[in-house]
Amino acid sequence: MPEESPLEIEAKVPLEVEDLDGVRSRLREIGARLGTPRLREENTLFDFPDGRLEKADSALRVRTFGRECLLTYKGRAREHAFLKLREEIETRVEDAAALIRLLELLGLRKAFHYWKFREIYSLELPLGTVTVALDETPIGFFAEVEGPEESIGAVVELMGWDPASFIRESYPKLYREHGLGAPGAE
């Protein structure tokens, strides 16, 4: 029987630009620590020429930030009242250019490109570690809270965020809705 893949559990919270400093202060007050300072992220989605990954509500992403590179597969989102749950398999890659060339040789093409600035905080809770990413994008400002469901709920409550305002859409979908991002651009 195949091993079950890790599950990404996240809440995406829209923020106002004037709230960012207050959010940072509140995160420190509740014990979160800055793990990754503000960096620009570049994200390129890959798909087969027939678009089968997008049609299946899945994604294969190459993310570069600083000197880091990650290859991530994301499966179809599962139903939940306010959280986004989906299969996620991720690995660090040493050479982004070699990875991109390999994907292209396997028949995949660059399907969509987007960027954002991100800083990442972490918070140790009894039910598990939670990361809070503050994202500055051309389409707005967001906090992404990831970790065990119960821990996310605790952080959401401590931060005073309303789950009814959470967004379940992916960044590529939001960028496309705003006419931003680029099909296959570098």
N, C-alpha and C. Protein backbone atom coordinates (compact mmCIF):
# COMPACT_ATOMS: atom_id res chain seq x y z
N MET A 1 0.85 -1.18 0.00
CA MET A 1 0.00 0.00 0.00
C MET A 1 0.90 1.24 0.00
N PRO A 2 0.62 2.24 -0.90
CA PRO A 2 1.47 3.42 -0.95
C PRO A 2 1.36 4.26 0.31
N GLU A 3 2.49 4.88 0.64
CA GLU A 3 2.53 5.75 1.81
C GLU A 3 1.72 7.02 1.52
N GLU A 4 0.98 7.51 2.51
CA GLU A 4 0.20 8.73 2.32
C GLU A 4 1.13 9.94 2.28
N SER A 5 0.88 10.84 1.33
CA SER A 5 1.70 12.03 1.17
C SER A 5 1.37 13.06 2.25
N PRO A 6 2.33 13.92 2.52
CA PRO A 6 2.07 14.98 3.51
C PRO A 6 0.92 15.88 3.05
N LEU A 7 0.22 16.42 4.02
CA LEU A 7 -0.91 17.28 3.74
C LEU A 7 -0.57 18.71 4.14
N GLU A 8 -0.70 19.62 3.20
CA GLU A 8 -0.54 21.05 3.50
C GLU A 8 -1.87 21.54 4.05
N ILE A 9 -1.83 22.17 5.22
CA ILE A 9 -3.03 22.75 5.82
C ILE A 9 -2.72 24.22 6.02
N GLU A 10 -3.51 25.11 5.40
CA GLU A 10 -3.20 26.53 5.50
C GLU A 10 -4.45 27.39 5.53
N ALA A 11 -4.27 28.55 6.13
CA ALA A 11 -5.27 29.61 6.09
C ALA A 11 -4.59 30.80 5.42
N LYS A 12 -5.27 31.40 4.44
CA LYS A 12 -4.74 32.59 3.76
C LYS A 12 -5.62 33.77 4.19
N VAL A 13 -4.98 34.72 4.87
CA VAL A 13 -5.69 35.85 5.47
C VAL A 13 -5.36 37.12 4.71
N PRO A 14 -6.35 37.80 4.12
CA PRO A 14 -6.05 39.08 3.48
C PRO A 14 -5.73 40.14 4.53
N LEU A 15 -4.74 40.98 4.23
CA LEU A 15 -4.32 42.04 5.15
C LEU A 15 -4.31 43.37 4.42
N GLU A 16 -4.41 44.43 5.17
CA GLU A 16 -4.22 45.78 4.62
C GLU A 16 -2.77 46.17 4.83
N VAL A 17 -2.21 46.92 3.90
CA VAL A 17 -0.80 47.30 4.00
C VAL A 17 -0.51 48.01 5.32
N GLU A 18 -1.45 48.83 5.78
CA GLU A 18 -1.22 49.55 7.04
C GLU A 18 -1.26 48.63 8.27
N ASP A 19 -1.71 47.38 8.09
CA ASP A 19 -1.75 46.41 9.19
C ASP A 19 -0.45 45.63 9.36
N LEU A 20 0.45 45.67 8.37
CA LEU A 20 1.62 44.80 8.39
C LEU A 20 2.49 44.98 9.63
N ASP A 21 2.78 46.21 10.00
CA ASP A 21 3.61 46.42 11.20
C ASP A 21 2.89 45.92 12.45
N GLY A 22 1.58 46.13 12.53
CA GLY A 22 0.81 45.63 13.66
C GLY A 22 0.80 44.11 13.71
N VAL A 23 0.71 43.46 12.55
CA VAL A 23 0.74 42.00 12.50
C VAL A 23 2.10 41.49 12.96
N ARG A 24 3.17 42.13 12.49
CA ARG A 24 4.52 41.73 12.93
C ARG A 24 4.65 41.86 14.45
N SER A 25 4.18 42.98 14.99
CA SER A 25 4.25 43.19 16.45
C SER A 25 3.45 42.15 17.20
N ARG A 26 2.25 41.87 16.72
CA ARG A 26 1.39 40.88 17.40
C ARG A 26 2.02 39.49 17.33
N LEU A 27 2.63 39.14 16.19
CA LEU A 27 3.30 37.84 16.09
C LEU A 27 4.40 37.72 17.14
N ARG A 28 5.19 38.78 17.31
CA ARG A 28 6.25 38.74 18.33
C ARG A 28 5.64 38.63 19.73
N GLU A 29 4.53 39.34 19.98
CA GLU A 29 3.86 39.29 21.29
C GLU A 29 3.40 37.88 21.64
N ILE A 30 2.95 37.12 20.65
CA ILE A 30 2.45 35.76 20.95
C ILE A 30 3.56 34.72 20.90
N GLY A 31 4.81 35.17 20.68
CA GLY A 31 5.94 34.26 20.77
C GLY A 31 6.52 33.78 19.45
N ALA A 32 6.06 34.32 18.33
CA ALA A 32 6.59 33.91 17.03
C ALA A 32 7.97 34.51 16.82
N ARG A 33 8.79 33.78 16.11
CA ARG A 33 10.15 34.24 15.81
C ARG A 33 10.34 34.34 14.31
N LEU A 34 11.04 35.39 13.89
CA LEU A 34 11.33 35.58 12.48
C LEU A 34 12.37 34.54 12.06
N GLY A 35 12.01 33.67 11.13
CA GLY A 35 12.92 32.64 10.66
C GLY A 35 13.56 32.99 9.34
N THR A 36 12.79 33.64 8.46
CA THR A 36 13.30 34.05 7.15
C THR A 36 12.94 35.51 6.96
N PRO A 37 13.93 36.39 6.84
CA PRO A 37 13.63 37.80 6.61
C PRO A 37 13.03 38.00 5.22
N ARG A 38 12.51 39.17 4.99
CA ARG A 38 11.83 39.51 3.73
C ARG A 38 12.75 39.25 2.53
N LEU A 39 12.28 38.35 1.63
CA LEU A 39 13.00 38.00 0.41
C LEU A 39 12.03 37.99 -0.76
N ARG A 40 12.54 38.25 -1.93
CA ARG A 40 11.73 38.11 -3.14
C ARG A 40 11.73 36.64 -3.55
N GLU A 41 10.54 36.13 -3.82
CA GLU A 41 10.35 34.76 -4.30
C GLU A 41 9.94 34.81 -5.77
N GLU A 42 10.50 33.91 -6.54
CA GLU A 42 10.08 33.72 -7.93
C GLU A 42 9.46 32.34 -8.01
N ASN A 43 8.29 32.24 -8.60
CA ASN A 43 7.56 30.98 -8.69
C ASN A 43 7.18 30.70 -10.14
N THR A 44 7.58 29.54 -10.64
CA THR A 44 7.22 29.14 -12.00
C THR A 44 6.49 27.80 -11.92
N LEU A 45 5.28 27.78 -12.49
CA LEU A 45 4.50 26.54 -12.57
C LEU A 45 4.83 25.85 -13.88
N PHE A 46 4.94 24.53 -13.82
CA PHE A 46 5.19 23.72 -14.99
C PHE A 46 3.99 22.82 -15.23
N ASP A 47 3.72 22.54 -16.50
CA ASP A 47 2.62 21.64 -16.85
C ASP A 47 2.97 20.95 -18.16
N PHE A 48 2.23 19.91 -18.47
CA PHE A 48 2.38 19.23 -19.74
C PHE A 48 1.69 20.07 -20.82
N PRO A 49 2.05 19.89 -22.08
CA PRO A 49 1.42 20.70 -23.14
C PRO A 49 -0.11 20.62 -23.15
N ASP A 50 -0.68 19.49 -22.70
CA ASP A 50 -2.15 19.36 -22.68
C ASP A 50 -2.78 19.97 -21.44
N GLY A 51 -1.97 20.55 -20.54
CA GLY A 51 -2.49 21.22 -19.35
C GLY A 51 -3.08 20.28 -18.32
N ARG A 52 -2.66 19.03 -18.30
CA ARG A 52 -3.30 18.04 -17.42
C ARG A 52 -3.17 18.35 -15.93
N LEU A 53 -2.07 18.99 -15.51
CA LEU A 53 -1.94 19.31 -14.08
C LEU A 53 -2.96 20.38 -13.68
N GLU A 54 -3.05 21.44 -14.47
CA GLU A 54 -4.03 22.50 -14.15
C GLU A 54 -5.45 21.96 -14.21
N LYS A 55 -5.75 21.14 -15.20
CA LYS A 55 -7.09 20.54 -15.32
C LYS A 55 -7.43 19.68 -14.11
N ALA A 56 -6.41 19.07 -13.50
CA ALA A 56 -6.62 18.23 -12.32
C ALA A 56 -6.54 19.03 -11.03
N ASP A 57 -6.49 20.37 -11.14
CA ASP A 57 -6.36 21.26 -9.98
C ASP A 57 -5.11 20.91 -9.17
N SER A 58 -4.05 20.56 -9.89
CA SER A 58 -2.76 20.24 -9.28
C SER A 58 -1.72 21.21 -9.81
N ALA A 59 -0.54 21.20 -9.19
CA ALA A 59 0.51 22.12 -9.64
C ALA A 59 1.88 21.52 -9.39
N LEU A 60 2.81 21.83 -10.28
CA LEU A 60 4.21 21.51 -10.11
C LEU A 60 4.95 22.84 -10.18
N ARG A 61 5.57 23.22 -9.07
CA ARG A 61 6.14 24.57 -8.96
C ARG A 61 7.64 24.50 -8.67
N VAL A 62 8.38 25.39 -9.32
CA VAL A 62 9.77 25.63 -8.98
C VAL A 62 9.79 27.01 -8.33
N ARG A 63 10.27 27.05 -7.08
CA ARG A 63 10.33 28.31 -6.32
C ARG A 63 11.79 28.61 -6.02
N THR A 64 12.21 29.82 -6.33
CA THR A 64 13.55 30.27 -5.95
C THR A 64 13.42 31.50 -5.06
N PHE A 65 14.25 31.55 -4.03
CA PHE A 65 14.31 32.68 -3.12
C PHE A 65 15.70 32.69 -2.52
N GLY A 66 16.35 33.84 -2.62
CA GLY A 66 17.73 33.88 -2.18
C GLY A 66 18.51 32.84 -2.97
N ARG A 67 19.27 32.01 -2.29
CA ARG A 67 20.03 30.94 -2.96
C ARG A 67 19.30 29.60 -2.90
N GLU A 68 18.10 29.61 -2.37
CA GLU A 68 17.32 28.38 -2.20
C GLU A 68 16.46 28.09 -3.44
N CYS A 69 16.22 26.81 -3.67
CA CYS A 69 15.32 26.37 -4.73
C CYS A 69 14.51 25.19 -4.21
N LEU A 70 13.20 25.22 -4.43
CA LEU A 70 12.30 24.14 -4.02
C LEU A 70 11.50 23.66 -5.22
N LEU A 71 11.33 22.35 -5.31
CA LEU A 71 10.41 21.75 -6.27
C LEU A 71 9.23 21.24 -5.45
N THR A 72 8.02 21.66 -5.84
CA THR A 72 6.83 21.32 -5.06
C THR A 72 5.73 20.80 -5.96
N TYR A 73 5.13 19.68 -5.55
CA TYR A 73 3.91 19.18 -6.18
C TYR A 73 2.77 19.46 -5.22
N LYS A 74 1.67 20.01 -5.73
CA LYS A 74 0.47 20.24 -4.93
C LYS A 74 -0.71 19.54 -5.60
N GLY A 75 -1.43 18.74 -4.82
CA GLY A 75 -2.60 18.04 -5.34
C GLY A 75 -3.86 18.89 -5.24
N ARG A 76 -4.96 18.30 -5.63
CA ARG A 76 -6.27 18.97 -5.61
C ARG A 76 -6.64 19.35 -4.18
N ALA A 77 -7.19 20.56 -4.01
CA ALA A 77 -7.62 21.02 -2.69
C ALA A 77 -8.83 20.21 -2.23
N ARG A 78 -8.86 19.92 -0.94
CA ARG A 78 -9.99 19.20 -0.33
C ARG A 78 -10.96 20.22 0.27
N GLU A 79 -12.19 19.81 0.41
CA GLU A 79 -13.22 20.70 0.97
C GLU A 79 -13.00 20.92 2.46
N HIS A 80 -13.13 22.17 2.88
CA HIS A 80 -13.04 22.55 4.29
C HIS A 80 -13.73 23.90 4.43
N ALA A 81 -14.28 24.16 5.59
CA ALA A 81 -15.03 25.41 5.81
C ALA A 81 -14.19 26.65 5.53
N PHE A 82 -12.96 26.74 6.04
CA PHE A 82 -12.18 27.95 5.82
C PHE A 82 -10.70 27.70 5.57
N LEU A 83 -10.24 26.48 5.75
CA LEU A 83 -8.84 26.16 5.49
C LEU A 83 -8.68 25.55 4.11
N LYS A 84 -7.46 25.58 3.63
CA LYS A 84 -7.12 24.91 2.38
C LYS A 84 -6.28 23.70 2.74
N LEU A 85 -6.74 22.52 2.34
CA LEU A 85 -6.04 21.27 2.60
C LEU A 85 -5.73 20.62 1.26
N ARG A 86 -4.46 20.25 1.08
CA ARG A 86 -4.10 19.57 -0.16
C ARG A 86 -2.81 18.81 0.02
N GLU A 87 -2.66 17.75 -0.76
CA GLU A 87 -1.43 16.97 -0.77
C GLU A 87 -0.30 17.89 -1.22
N GLU A 88 0.85 17.78 -0.53
CA GLU A 88 2.01 18.58 -0.92
C GLU A 88 3.27 17.75 -0.72
N ILE A 89 4.06 17.66 -1.78
CA ILE A 89 5.35 16.99 -1.71
C ILE A 89 6.38 18.03 -2.16
N GLU A 90 7.38 18.24 -1.32
CA GLU A 90 8.34 19.31 -1.59
C GLU A 90 9.75 18.84 -1.28
N THR A 91 10.70 19.28 -2.10
CA THR A 91 12.10 18.95 -1.86
C THR A 91 12.99 20.11 -2.29
N ARG A 92 14.09 20.27 -1.57
CA ARG A 92 15.09 21.26 -1.94
C ARG A 92 15.90 20.73 -3.12
N VAL A 93 16.30 21.65 -3.98
CA VAL A 93 17.09 21.31 -5.15
C VAL A 93 18.31 22.21 -5.16
N GLU A 94 19.45 21.63 -5.51
CA GLU A 94 20.70 22.38 -5.48
C GLU A 94 20.85 23.32 -6.67
N ASP A 95 20.41 22.91 -7.85
CA ASP A 95 20.68 23.66 -9.07
C ASP A 95 19.36 23.95 -9.79
N ALA A 96 18.84 25.17 -9.65
CA ALA A 96 17.55 25.52 -10.24
C ALA A 96 17.59 25.42 -11.76
N ALA A 97 18.67 25.89 -12.39
CA ALA A 97 18.75 25.84 -13.86
C ALA A 97 18.73 24.40 -14.36
N ALA A 98 19.45 23.50 -13.70
CA ALA A 98 19.45 22.09 -14.10
C ALA A 98 18.07 21.47 -13.91
N LEU A 99 17.39 21.82 -12.82
CA LEU A 99 16.05 21.31 -12.57
C LEU A 99 15.10 21.74 -13.68
N ILE A 100 15.13 23.02 -14.02
CA ILE A 100 14.24 23.54 -15.07
C ILE A 100 14.53 22.84 -16.40
N ARG A 101 15.79 22.66 -16.72
CA ARG A 101 16.16 21.97 -17.97
C ARG A 101 15.65 20.53 -17.95
N LEU A 102 15.78 19.86 -16.83
CA LEU A 102 15.31 18.49 -16.68
C LEU A 102 13.80 18.41 -16.90
N LEU A 103 13.05 19.31 -16.29
CA LEU A 103 11.60 19.32 -16.46
C LEU A 103 11.22 19.53 -17.93
N GLU A 104 11.93 20.43 -18.59
CA GLU A 104 11.65 20.68 -20.00
C GLU A 104 11.98 19.46 -20.85
N LEU A 105 13.08 18.77 -20.55
CA LEU A 105 13.44 17.56 -21.28
C LEU A 105 12.42 16.45 -21.08
N LEU A 106 11.73 16.47 -19.94
CA LEU A 106 10.69 15.48 -19.65
C LEU A 106 9.36 15.83 -20.32
N GLY A 107 9.34 16.96 -21.03
CA GLY A 107 8.13 17.33 -21.77
C GLY A 107 7.24 18.34 -21.08
N LEU A 108 7.66 18.85 -19.95
CA LEU A 108 6.87 19.88 -19.29
C LEU A 108 7.24 21.26 -19.85
N ARG A 109 6.33 22.20 -19.72
CA ARG A 109 6.58 23.56 -20.20
C ARG A 109 6.29 24.55 -19.08
N LYS A 110 6.91 25.70 -19.16
CA LYS A 110 6.61 26.76 -18.20
C LYS A 110 5.20 27.25 -18.49
N ALA A 111 4.33 27.13 -17.50
CA ALA A 111 2.92 27.45 -17.70
C ALA A 111 2.51 28.78 -17.11
N PHE A 112 3.18 29.21 -16.03
CA PHE A 112 2.79 30.47 -15.37
C PHE A 112 3.90 30.89 -14.43
N HIS A 113 4.11 32.20 -14.33
CA HIS A 113 5.16 32.74 -13.47
C HIS A 113 4.59 33.89 -12.64
N TYR A 114 4.94 33.91 -11.36
CA TYR A 114 4.54 35.02 -10.49
C TYR A 114 5.60 35.20 -9.41
N TRP A 115 5.55 36.35 -8.74
CA TRP A 115 6.53 36.66 -7.70
C TRP A 115 5.83 37.31 -6.51
N LYS A 116 6.55 37.34 -5.41
CA LYS A 116 6.07 38.03 -4.20
C LYS A 116 7.25 38.24 -3.27
N PHE A 117 7.09 39.14 -2.32
CA PHE A 117 8.05 39.27 -1.23
C PHE A 117 7.45 38.53 -0.05
N ARG A 118 8.29 37.77 0.67
CA ARG A 118 7.80 36.94 1.77
C ARG A 118 8.77 36.99 2.94
N GLU A 119 8.21 37.07 4.15
CA GLU A 119 8.99 36.87 5.38
C GLU A 119 8.24 35.80 6.17
N ILE A 120 9.01 34.94 6.88
CA ILE A 120 8.39 33.79 7.53
C ILE A 120 8.71 33.78 9.02
N TYR A 121 7.65 33.64 9.82
CA TYR A 121 7.74 33.52 11.28
C TYR A 121 7.36 32.10 11.66
N SER A 122 7.87 31.63 12.79
CA SER A 122 7.43 30.33 13.30
C SER A 122 7.06 30.46 14.76
N LEU A 123 6.13 29.62 15.16
CA LEU A 123 5.60 29.64 16.52
C LEU A 123 5.44 28.21 16.99
N GLU A 124 6.07 27.89 18.12
CA GLU A 124 5.95 26.55 18.70
C GLU A 124 4.75 26.52 19.64
N LEU A 125 3.80 25.64 19.35
CA LEU A 125 2.61 25.48 20.19
C LEU A 125 2.55 24.03 20.66
N PRO A 126 1.81 23.76 21.74
CA PRO A 126 1.72 22.38 22.23
C PRO A 126 1.22 21.37 21.19
N LEU A 127 0.37 21.83 20.26
CA LEU A 127 -0.18 20.92 19.24
C LEU A 127 0.66 20.87 17.98
N GLY A 128 1.75 21.63 17.92
CA GLY A 128 2.62 21.60 16.75
C GLY A 128 3.10 22.96 16.33
N THR A 129 4.12 22.97 15.51
CA THR A 129 4.71 24.21 15.01
C THR A 129 3.84 24.81 13.91
N VAL A 130 3.69 26.13 13.97
CA VAL A 130 2.94 26.87 12.96
C VAL A 130 3.89 27.86 12.32
N THR A 131 3.81 27.99 10.99
CA THR A 131 4.54 29.05 10.31
C THR A 131 3.53 30.08 9.82
N VAL A 132 3.95 31.33 9.90
CA VAL A 132 3.14 32.43 9.40
C VAL A 132 4.00 33.18 8.40
N ALA A 133 3.58 33.16 7.15
CA ALA A 133 4.29 33.88 6.10
C ALA A 133 3.54 35.16 5.81
N LEU A 134 4.25 36.27 5.83
CA LEU A 134 3.67 37.55 5.43
C LEU A 134 4.09 37.81 3.99
N ASP A 135 3.10 37.89 3.11
CA ASP A 135 3.34 38.02 1.68
C ASP A 135 2.91 39.39 1.17
N GLU A 136 3.82 40.03 0.47
CA GLU A 136 3.54 41.29 -0.22
C GLU A 136 3.52 40.97 -1.70
N THR A 137 2.37 41.14 -2.33
CA THR A 137 2.21 40.79 -3.74
C THR A 137 1.64 41.98 -4.51
N PRO A 138 1.69 41.95 -5.84
CA PRO A 138 1.06 43.02 -6.61
C PRO A 138 -0.47 43.01 -6.50
N ILE A 139 -1.03 41.94 -5.94
CA ILE A 139 -2.49 41.83 -5.82
C ILE A 139 -2.97 42.06 -4.39
N GLY A 140 -2.06 42.37 -3.48
CA GLY A 140 -2.43 42.63 -2.10
C GLY A 140 -1.47 41.99 -1.12
N PHE A 141 -1.84 42.10 0.14
CA PHE A 141 -1.02 41.62 1.24
C PHE A 141 -1.77 40.51 1.96
N PHE A 142 -1.03 39.45 2.33
CA PHE A 142 -1.66 38.27 2.90
C PHE A 142 -0.77 37.67 3.99
N ALA A 143 -1.40 36.98 4.92
CA ALA A 143 -0.70 36.11 5.86
C ALA A 143 -1.13 34.69 5.52
N GLU A 144 -0.16 33.79 5.38
CA GLU A 144 -0.46 32.38 5.21
C GLU A 144 -0.02 31.66 6.47
N VAL A 145 -0.97 30.98 7.10
CA VAL A 145 -0.71 30.27 8.35
C VAL A 145 -0.75 28.79 8.04
N GLU A 146 0.36 28.07 8.31
CA GLU A 146 0.43 26.64 8.01
C GLU A 146 0.85 25.86 9.23
N GLY A 147 0.28 24.67 9.38
CA GLY A 147 0.61 23.79 10.48
C GLY A 147 -0.55 22.86 10.76
N PRO A 148 -0.54 22.19 11.90
CA PRO A 148 -1.68 21.35 12.28
C PRO A 148 -2.95 22.19 12.43
N GLU A 149 -4.07 21.62 12.04
CA GLU A 149 -5.34 22.38 12.05
C GLU A 149 -5.63 23.05 13.39
N GLU A 150 -5.45 22.33 14.49
CA GLU A 150 -5.74 22.89 15.82
C GLU A 150 -4.81 24.06 16.14
N SER A 151 -3.55 23.95 15.72
CA SER A 151 -2.59 25.02 15.97
C SER A 151 -2.90 26.25 15.13
N ILE A 152 -3.33 26.03 13.89
CA ILE A 152 -3.74 27.16 13.05
C ILE A 152 -4.89 27.88 13.72
N GLY A 153 -5.86 27.12 14.21
CA GLY A 153 -7.00 27.73 14.89
C GLY A 153 -6.57 28.56 16.09
N ALA A 154 -5.59 28.08 16.84
CA ALA A 154 -5.10 28.83 18.00
C ALA A 154 -4.43 30.13 17.58
N VAL A 155 -3.62 30.08 16.52
CA VAL A 155 -2.95 31.30 16.04
C VAL A 155 -3.97 32.30 15.49
N VAL A 156 -4.93 31.80 14.75
CA VAL A 156 -5.98 32.67 14.19
C VAL A 156 -6.70 33.40 15.33
N GLU A 157 -7.01 32.66 16.39
CA GLU A 157 -7.69 33.27 17.55
C GLU A 157 -6.79 34.29 18.24
N LEU A 158 -5.52 33.94 18.46
CA LEU A 158 -4.58 34.86 19.10
C LEU A 158 -4.37 36.13 18.29
N MET A 159 -4.41 36.01 16.97
CA MET A 159 -4.21 37.17 16.09
C MET A 159 -5.49 37.98 15.90
N GLY A 160 -6.64 37.40 16.28
CA GLY A 160 -7.91 38.12 16.12
C GLY A 160 -8.43 38.13 14.70
N TRP A 161 -8.04 37.13 13.89
CA TRP A 161 -8.49 37.07 12.50
C TRP A 161 -9.81 36.34 12.40
N ASP A 162 -10.65 36.76 11.47
CA ASP A 162 -11.97 36.17 11.25
C ASP A 162 -11.90 35.12 10.14
N PRO A 163 -12.11 33.84 10.46
CA PRO A 163 -12.05 32.80 9.42
C PRO A 163 -12.99 33.05 8.24
N ALA A 164 -14.05 33.80 8.44
CA ALA A 164 -14.97 34.07 7.33
C ALA A 164 -14.30 34.90 6.23
N SER A 165 -13.19 35.59 6.55
CA SER A 165 -12.52 36.42 5.56
C SER A 165 -11.42 35.66 4.81
N PHE A 166 -11.14 34.43 5.18
CA PHE A 166 -10.04 33.69 4.59
C PHE A 166 -10.30 33.39 3.11
N ILE A 167 -9.20 33.25 2.38
CA ILE A 167 -9.24 32.99 0.94
C ILE A 167 -8.70 31.59 0.71
N ARG A 168 -9.38 30.80 -0.12
CA ARG A 168 -8.92 29.44 -0.41
C ARG A 168 -8.22 29.35 -1.76
N GLU A 169 -8.30 30.39 -2.58
CA GLU A 169 -7.69 30.35 -3.90
C GLU A 169 -6.17 30.42 -3.82
N SER A 170 -5.52 29.82 -4.80
CA SER A 170 -4.06 29.85 -4.89
C SER A 170 -3.61 31.21 -5.42
N TYR A 171 -2.34 31.52 -5.20
CA TYR A 171 -1.81 32.76 -5.75
C TYR A 171 -1.91 32.79 -7.28
N PRO A 172 -1.57 31.72 -8.00
CA PRO A 172 -1.73 31.80 -9.46
C PRO A 172 -3.15 32.16 -9.89
N LYS A 173 -4.15 31.58 -9.23
CA LYS A 173 -5.53 31.90 -9.58
C LYS A 173 -5.83 33.38 -9.28
N LEU A 174 -5.39 33.86 -8.12
CA LEU A 174 -5.62 35.26 -7.77
C LEU A 174 -4.91 36.20 -8.73
N TYR A 175 -3.66 35.88 -9.09
CA TYR A 175 -2.93 36.72 -10.05
C TYR A 175 -3.67 36.76 -11.37
N ARG A 176 -4.12 35.60 -11.86
CA ARG A 176 -4.84 35.56 -13.14
C ARG A 176 -6.12 36.39 -13.07
N GLU A 177 -6.85 36.30 -11.95
CA GLU A 177 -8.08 37.08 -11.79
C GLU A 177 -7.81 38.58 -11.87
N HIS A 178 -6.60 38.99 -11.47
CA HIS A 178 -6.22 40.41 -11.52
C HIS A 178 -5.47 40.76 -12.81
N GLY A 179 -5.38 39.79 -13.74
CA GLY A 179 -4.68 40.03 -15.00
C GLY A 179 -3.19 40.16 -14.85
N LEU A 180 -2.63 39.54 -13.81
CA LEU A 180 -1.19 39.62 -13.55
C LEU A 180 -0.54 38.25 -13.64
N GLY A 181 0.76 38.24 -13.47
CA GLY A 181 1.52 37.02 -13.65
C GLY A 181 1.80 36.89 -15.14
N ALA A 182 2.54 35.90 -15.51
CA ALA A 182 2.88 35.75 -16.91
C ALA A 182 2.90 34.28 -17.28
N PRO A 183 2.26 33.95 -18.40
CA PRO A 183 2.34 32.56 -18.84
C PRO A 183 3.79 32.20 -19.19
N GLY A 184 4.39 31.32 -18.41
CA GLY A 184 5.69 30.78 -18.70
C GLY A 184 6.87 31.73 -18.67
N ALA A 185 6.71 32.95 -18.22
CA ALA A 185 7.82 33.91 -18.21
C ALA A 185 8.86 33.51 -17.20
N GLU A 186 10.03 34.01 -17.37
CA GLU A 186 11.11 33.81 -16.38
C GLU A 186 11.03 34.89 -15.35
